[in-house]
Every structure is written in C-alpha cells, then in structure tokens.
N, C-alpha and C. Protein backbone atom coordinates (compact mmCIF):
# COMPACT_ATOMS: atom_id res chain seq x y z
N MET A 1 82.80 181.46 87.80
CA MET A 1 82.82 180.01 87.80
C MET A 1 83.87 179.53 86.81
N ASP A 2 84.50 178.53 87.14
CA ASP A 2 85.61 177.95 86.41
C ASP A 2 85.10 177.06 85.27
N TRP A 3 85.74 177.12 84.09
CA TRP A 3 85.33 176.29 82.96
C TRP A 3 85.59 174.81 83.22
N GLY A 4 86.62 174.50 83.96
CA GLY A 4 86.90 173.11 84.29
C GLY A 4 85.79 172.49 85.13
N PHE A 5 85.29 173.27 86.08
CA PHE A 5 84.20 172.78 86.91
C PHE A 5 82.93 172.58 86.08
N THR A 6 82.68 173.50 85.16
CA THR A 6 81.51 173.38 84.28
C THR A 6 81.62 172.13 83.41
N ALA A 7 82.78 171.88 82.87
CA ALA A 7 82.99 170.67 82.06
C ALA A 7 82.86 169.41 82.91
N PHE A 8 83.36 169.47 84.13
CA PHE A 8 83.26 168.34 85.06
C PHE A 8 81.81 167.99 85.35
N VAL A 9 81.01 168.98 85.68
CA VAL A 9 79.60 168.75 86.00
C VAL A 9 78.83 168.30 84.76
N THR A 10 79.15 168.88 83.61
CA THR A 10 78.48 168.50 82.36
C THR A 10 78.80 167.05 82.00
N ALA A 11 80.05 166.65 82.16
CA ALA A 11 80.45 165.27 81.85
C ALA A 11 79.73 164.29 82.76
N ILE A 12 79.66 164.59 84.04
CA ILE A 12 78.97 163.69 84.97
C ILE A 12 77.49 163.62 84.63
N ALA A 13 76.88 164.76 84.34
CA ALA A 13 75.45 164.77 84.03
C ALA A 13 75.15 163.97 82.76
N LEU A 14 75.99 164.12 81.74
CA LEU A 14 75.77 163.38 80.49
C LEU A 14 75.99 161.88 80.68
N LEU A 15 77.02 161.51 81.42
CA LEU A 15 77.27 160.09 81.68
C LEU A 15 76.12 159.45 82.44
N VAL A 16 75.61 160.13 83.44
CA VAL A 16 74.50 159.59 84.23
C VAL A 16 73.22 159.53 83.38
N ALA A 17 72.98 160.55 82.57
CA ALA A 17 71.76 160.57 81.76
C ALA A 17 71.77 159.45 80.71
N VAL A 18 72.86 159.31 79.99
CA VAL A 18 72.93 158.28 78.96
C VAL A 18 72.98 156.89 79.59
N GLY A 19 73.77 156.73 80.64
CA GLY A 19 73.85 155.43 81.31
C GLY A 19 72.53 155.03 81.93
N GLY A 20 71.85 155.97 82.57
CA GLY A 20 70.54 155.67 83.15
C GLY A 20 69.51 155.32 82.09
N SER A 21 69.56 156.01 80.96
CA SER A 21 68.64 155.69 79.86
C SER A 21 68.89 154.30 79.31
N LEU A 22 70.16 153.95 79.14
CA LEU A 22 70.47 152.60 78.66
C LEU A 22 70.04 151.53 79.66
N LEU A 23 70.23 151.79 80.94
CA LEU A 23 69.78 150.84 81.95
C LEU A 23 68.26 150.67 81.92
N LEU A 24 67.56 151.78 81.79
CA LEU A 24 66.11 151.74 81.77
C LEU A 24 65.58 151.00 80.55
N VAL A 25 66.15 151.28 79.39
CA VAL A 25 65.71 150.61 78.16
C VAL A 25 66.04 149.12 78.22
N GLY A 26 67.22 148.77 78.70
CA GLY A 26 67.59 147.36 78.83
C GLY A 26 66.71 146.63 79.82
N TYR A 27 66.35 147.32 80.91
CA TYR A 27 65.49 146.72 81.92
C TYR A 27 64.10 146.47 81.36
N PHE A 28 63.56 147.45 80.63
CA PHE A 28 62.23 147.27 80.04
C PHE A 28 62.25 146.27 78.89
N GLY A 29 63.41 145.99 78.33
CA GLY A 29 63.52 144.97 77.29
C GLY A 29 63.61 143.56 77.83
N THR A 30 64.01 143.41 79.08
CA THR A 30 64.18 142.07 79.64
C THR A 30 63.09 141.68 80.63
N LEU A 31 62.59 142.61 81.40
CA LEU A 31 61.63 142.25 82.45
C LEU A 31 60.34 141.65 81.90
N PRO A 32 59.64 142.27 80.95
CA PRO A 32 58.42 141.64 80.46
C PRO A 32 58.69 140.31 79.76
N ALA A 33 59.82 140.21 79.07
CA ALA A 33 60.13 138.97 78.36
C ALA A 33 60.45 137.84 79.33
N SER A 34 60.94 138.16 80.51
CA SER A 34 61.29 137.11 81.47
C SER A 34 60.06 136.37 81.98
N PHE A 35 58.89 136.99 81.92
CA PHE A 35 57.67 136.31 82.37
C PHE A 35 57.31 135.13 81.48
N ASN A 36 57.75 135.12 80.23
CA ASN A 36 57.48 134.00 79.32
C ASN A 36 58.31 132.77 79.63
N PHE A 37 59.36 132.92 80.42
CA PHE A 37 60.26 131.81 80.69
C PHE A 37 60.03 131.18 82.06
N GLY A 38 58.94 131.51 82.72
CA GLY A 38 58.60 130.89 84.00
C GLY A 38 59.13 131.67 85.18
N TRP A 39 58.70 131.22 86.37
CA TRP A 39 59.04 131.96 87.58
C TRP A 39 60.52 131.88 87.92
N LYS A 40 61.21 130.83 87.48
CA LYS A 40 62.64 130.74 87.75
C LYS A 40 63.44 131.77 86.98
N ALA A 41 62.86 132.33 85.94
CA ALA A 41 63.53 133.38 85.17
C ALA A 41 63.08 134.76 85.63
N TRP A 42 61.80 134.95 85.87
CA TRP A 42 61.34 136.31 86.18
C TRP A 42 61.55 136.71 87.62
N LEU A 43 61.61 135.74 88.54
CA LEU A 43 61.80 136.10 89.94
C LEU A 43 63.15 136.79 90.19
N PRO A 44 64.28 136.23 89.72
CA PRO A 44 65.55 136.97 89.91
C PRO A 44 65.60 138.26 89.10
N THR A 45 64.97 138.26 87.94
CA THR A 45 64.96 139.47 87.11
C THR A 45 64.19 140.59 87.80
N LEU A 46 63.14 140.23 88.50
CA LEU A 46 62.32 141.22 89.18
C LEU A 46 62.92 141.65 90.52
N LEU A 47 63.51 140.71 91.26
CA LEU A 47 63.99 141.01 92.61
C LEU A 47 65.39 141.63 92.65
N LEU A 48 66.22 141.33 91.68
CA LEU A 48 67.57 141.89 91.63
C LEU A 48 67.59 142.98 90.57
N PRO A 49 67.50 144.25 90.95
CA PRO A 49 67.24 145.33 89.99
C PRO A 49 68.20 145.42 88.81
N VAL A 50 69.48 145.25 88.99
CA VAL A 50 70.40 145.38 87.86
C VAL A 50 70.99 144.02 87.48
N LEU A 51 71.39 143.27 88.45
CA LEU A 51 72.02 141.98 88.17
C LEU A 51 71.05 140.96 87.60
N GLY A 52 69.79 141.02 88.01
CA GLY A 52 68.79 140.08 87.51
C GLY A 52 68.56 140.20 86.01
N PRO A 53 68.29 141.40 85.49
CA PRO A 53 68.13 141.54 84.05
C PRO A 53 69.40 141.21 83.25
N VAL A 54 70.57 141.55 83.80
CA VAL A 54 71.82 141.20 83.11
C VAL A 54 71.97 139.69 83.06
N TRP A 55 71.69 139.01 84.17
CA TRP A 55 71.75 137.54 84.21
C TRP A 55 70.78 136.94 83.20
N PHE A 56 69.55 137.43 83.18
CA PHE A 56 68.55 136.89 82.26
C PHE A 56 68.96 137.11 80.81
N ALA A 57 69.42 138.31 80.49
CA ALA A 57 69.80 138.62 79.12
C ALA A 57 71.01 137.80 78.67
N LEU A 58 71.94 137.55 79.57
CA LEU A 58 73.11 136.75 79.20
C LEU A 58 72.81 135.26 79.12
N THR A 59 71.84 134.77 79.90
CA THR A 59 71.49 133.36 79.79
C THR A 59 70.66 133.07 78.55
N HIS A 60 69.98 134.07 78.03
CA HIS A 60 69.22 133.94 76.77
C HIS A 60 69.85 134.87 75.73
N ARG A 61 71.13 134.66 75.50
CA ARG A 61 71.93 135.57 74.70
C ARG A 61 71.45 135.68 73.25
N ASP A 62 70.93 134.60 72.68
CA ASP A 62 70.53 134.65 71.28
C ASP A 62 69.39 135.64 71.04
N GLU A 63 68.42 135.67 71.95
CA GLU A 63 67.27 136.55 71.77
C GLU A 63 67.48 137.94 72.37
N PHE A 64 68.32 138.04 73.38
CA PHE A 64 68.43 139.29 74.15
C PHE A 64 69.84 139.86 74.18
N LEU A 65 70.51 139.80 73.06
CA LEU A 65 71.86 140.35 73.00
C LEU A 65 71.85 141.88 73.12
N ARG A 66 70.93 142.53 72.42
CA ARG A 66 70.86 143.99 72.47
C ARG A 66 70.55 144.50 73.87
N PRO A 67 69.50 143.97 74.57
CA PRO A 67 69.29 144.44 75.96
C PRO A 67 70.46 144.14 76.88
N ALA A 68 71.15 143.01 76.66
CA ALA A 68 72.33 142.71 77.48
C ALA A 68 73.41 143.76 77.28
N LEU A 69 73.65 144.15 76.04
CA LEU A 69 74.66 145.18 75.77
C LEU A 69 74.22 146.53 76.32
N GLN A 70 72.93 146.84 76.23
CA GLN A 70 72.44 148.10 76.78
C GLN A 70 72.65 148.14 78.29
N LEU A 71 72.35 147.04 78.96
CA LEU A 71 72.53 147.00 80.41
C LEU A 71 74.00 147.11 80.79
N ILE A 72 74.86 146.41 80.09
CA ILE A 72 76.29 146.42 80.42
C ILE A 72 76.90 147.80 80.16
N PHE A 73 76.60 148.40 79.00
CA PHE A 73 77.16 149.72 78.72
C PHE A 73 76.55 150.79 79.63
N GLY A 74 75.29 150.63 80.01
CA GLY A 74 74.69 151.55 80.97
C GLY A 74 75.40 151.49 82.32
N LEU A 75 75.70 150.27 82.75
CA LEU A 75 76.44 150.11 84.01
C LEU A 75 77.83 150.72 83.92
N LEU A 76 78.48 150.53 82.78
CA LEU A 76 79.83 151.10 82.61
C LEU A 76 79.80 152.62 82.62
N LEU A 77 78.79 153.23 82.00
CA LEU A 77 78.70 154.69 82.00
C LEU A 77 78.40 155.24 83.38
N ILE A 78 77.52 154.57 84.12
CA ILE A 78 77.23 155.00 85.49
C ILE A 78 78.49 154.85 86.36
N ALA A 79 79.21 153.75 86.18
CA ALA A 79 80.45 153.55 86.94
C ALA A 79 81.49 154.61 86.59
N ALA A 80 81.56 155.01 85.31
CA ALA A 80 82.49 156.06 84.91
C ALA A 80 82.11 157.39 85.56
N ALA A 81 80.82 157.68 85.63
CA ALA A 81 80.38 158.93 86.27
C ALA A 81 80.71 158.93 87.75
N VAL A 82 80.50 157.81 88.42
CA VAL A 82 80.81 157.72 89.85
C VAL A 82 82.32 157.84 90.06
N GLY A 83 83.10 157.19 89.21
CA GLY A 83 84.56 157.29 89.31
C GLY A 83 85.06 158.69 89.08
N LEU A 84 84.47 159.37 88.11
CA LEU A 84 84.84 160.76 87.85
C LEU A 84 84.47 161.66 89.02
N LEU A 85 83.31 161.43 89.58
CA LEU A 85 82.86 162.24 90.71
C LEU A 85 83.76 162.05 91.93
N PHE A 86 84.06 160.81 92.25
CA PHE A 86 84.91 160.56 93.42
C PHE A 86 86.38 160.83 93.13
N GLY A 87 86.78 160.76 91.88
CA GLY A 87 88.17 161.02 91.55
C GLY A 87 88.54 162.49 91.53
N PHE A 88 87.67 163.31 90.93
CA PHE A 88 87.99 164.73 90.78
C PHE A 88 87.10 165.64 91.60
N GLY A 89 86.10 165.12 92.27
CA GLY A 89 85.19 165.94 93.05
C GLY A 89 85.87 166.67 94.20
N GLN A 90 86.79 166.01 94.85
CA GLN A 90 87.53 166.61 95.96
C GLN A 90 88.37 167.79 95.49
N HIS A 91 88.94 167.65 94.32
CA HIS A 91 89.76 168.74 93.75
C HIS A 91 88.91 169.99 93.53
N PHE A 92 87.75 169.83 92.93
CA PHE A 92 86.90 170.99 92.66
C PHE A 92 86.29 171.54 93.93
N ALA A 93 86.00 170.69 94.89
CA ALA A 93 85.48 171.17 96.18
C ALA A 93 86.53 172.02 96.89
N ASN A 94 87.77 171.57 96.86
CA ASN A 94 88.86 172.35 97.48
C ASN A 94 89.05 173.70 96.78
N GLN A 95 88.92 173.72 95.45
CA GLN A 95 89.05 174.98 94.71
C GLN A 95 87.92 175.93 95.09
N LEU A 96 86.71 175.44 95.21
CA LEU A 96 85.58 176.28 95.55
C LEU A 96 85.71 176.84 96.96
N VAL A 97 86.17 176.01 97.90
CA VAL A 97 86.34 176.48 99.27
C VAL A 97 87.47 177.49 99.35
N ALA A 98 88.54 177.28 98.60
CA ALA A 98 89.66 178.22 98.60
C ALA A 98 89.25 179.57 97.99
N GLY A 99 88.34 179.54 97.06
CA GLY A 99 87.87 180.79 96.45
C GLY A 99 86.96 181.58 97.36
N ILE A 100 86.31 180.92 98.32
CA ILE A 100 85.43 181.61 99.26
C ILE A 100 86.22 182.40 100.30
N LYS A 101 87.35 181.86 100.72
CA LYS A 101 88.15 182.49 101.79
C LYS A 101 88.75 183.80 101.39
C-alpha cells in the first residue's frame, strides 16, 4: 500500500471526524435554545438540519457566537474533506487499478 494513499485516507477521515463533531456540538448548542424564542425560531432550526441552526445562531449572534462558529467551521471541514475526496480520489483509484493489472 502506498503512503500517499494512507495519508489521503487519514486526512479525509480526520476532516470528517472533526467537522462532524463540530457540527454536532453546534447543533446541540442551538436546537434546545431555539425553543425559548418561540415557534418562529425553532421550526426552521428543527426542519433545516444545517442551515436552520446556522441561521438561528447568526440571528442571535450575541448569545450564540460560539455555536455559530462551530457550525461554520464544521461545514468548512466537511466541505474540505469532500473536495479532497473528489479532487484526488480519481488519482488514487487509477493507481490502485493500474497496480492490479
């Protein structure tokens, strides 16, 4: 097995793990708090899985700055993992297929 492929898979796994954790923590920081602001706040937060909590946290920026940053950085890390996978995944797949022949 190639060290580049191992580093590629490790980088994607770490980006997804940290990004997913940040998304989960940010979501749990905003969803219960949105119930205190009435149905106009909690309904979009509950029905729109990622955009709803980001919207809620940014509209109540003074109280929820940390969850807003957690959600935004979590989204950026997940997007980086997806970009890395689609950007270099074809290269490593071609190398693996060429090694089988």
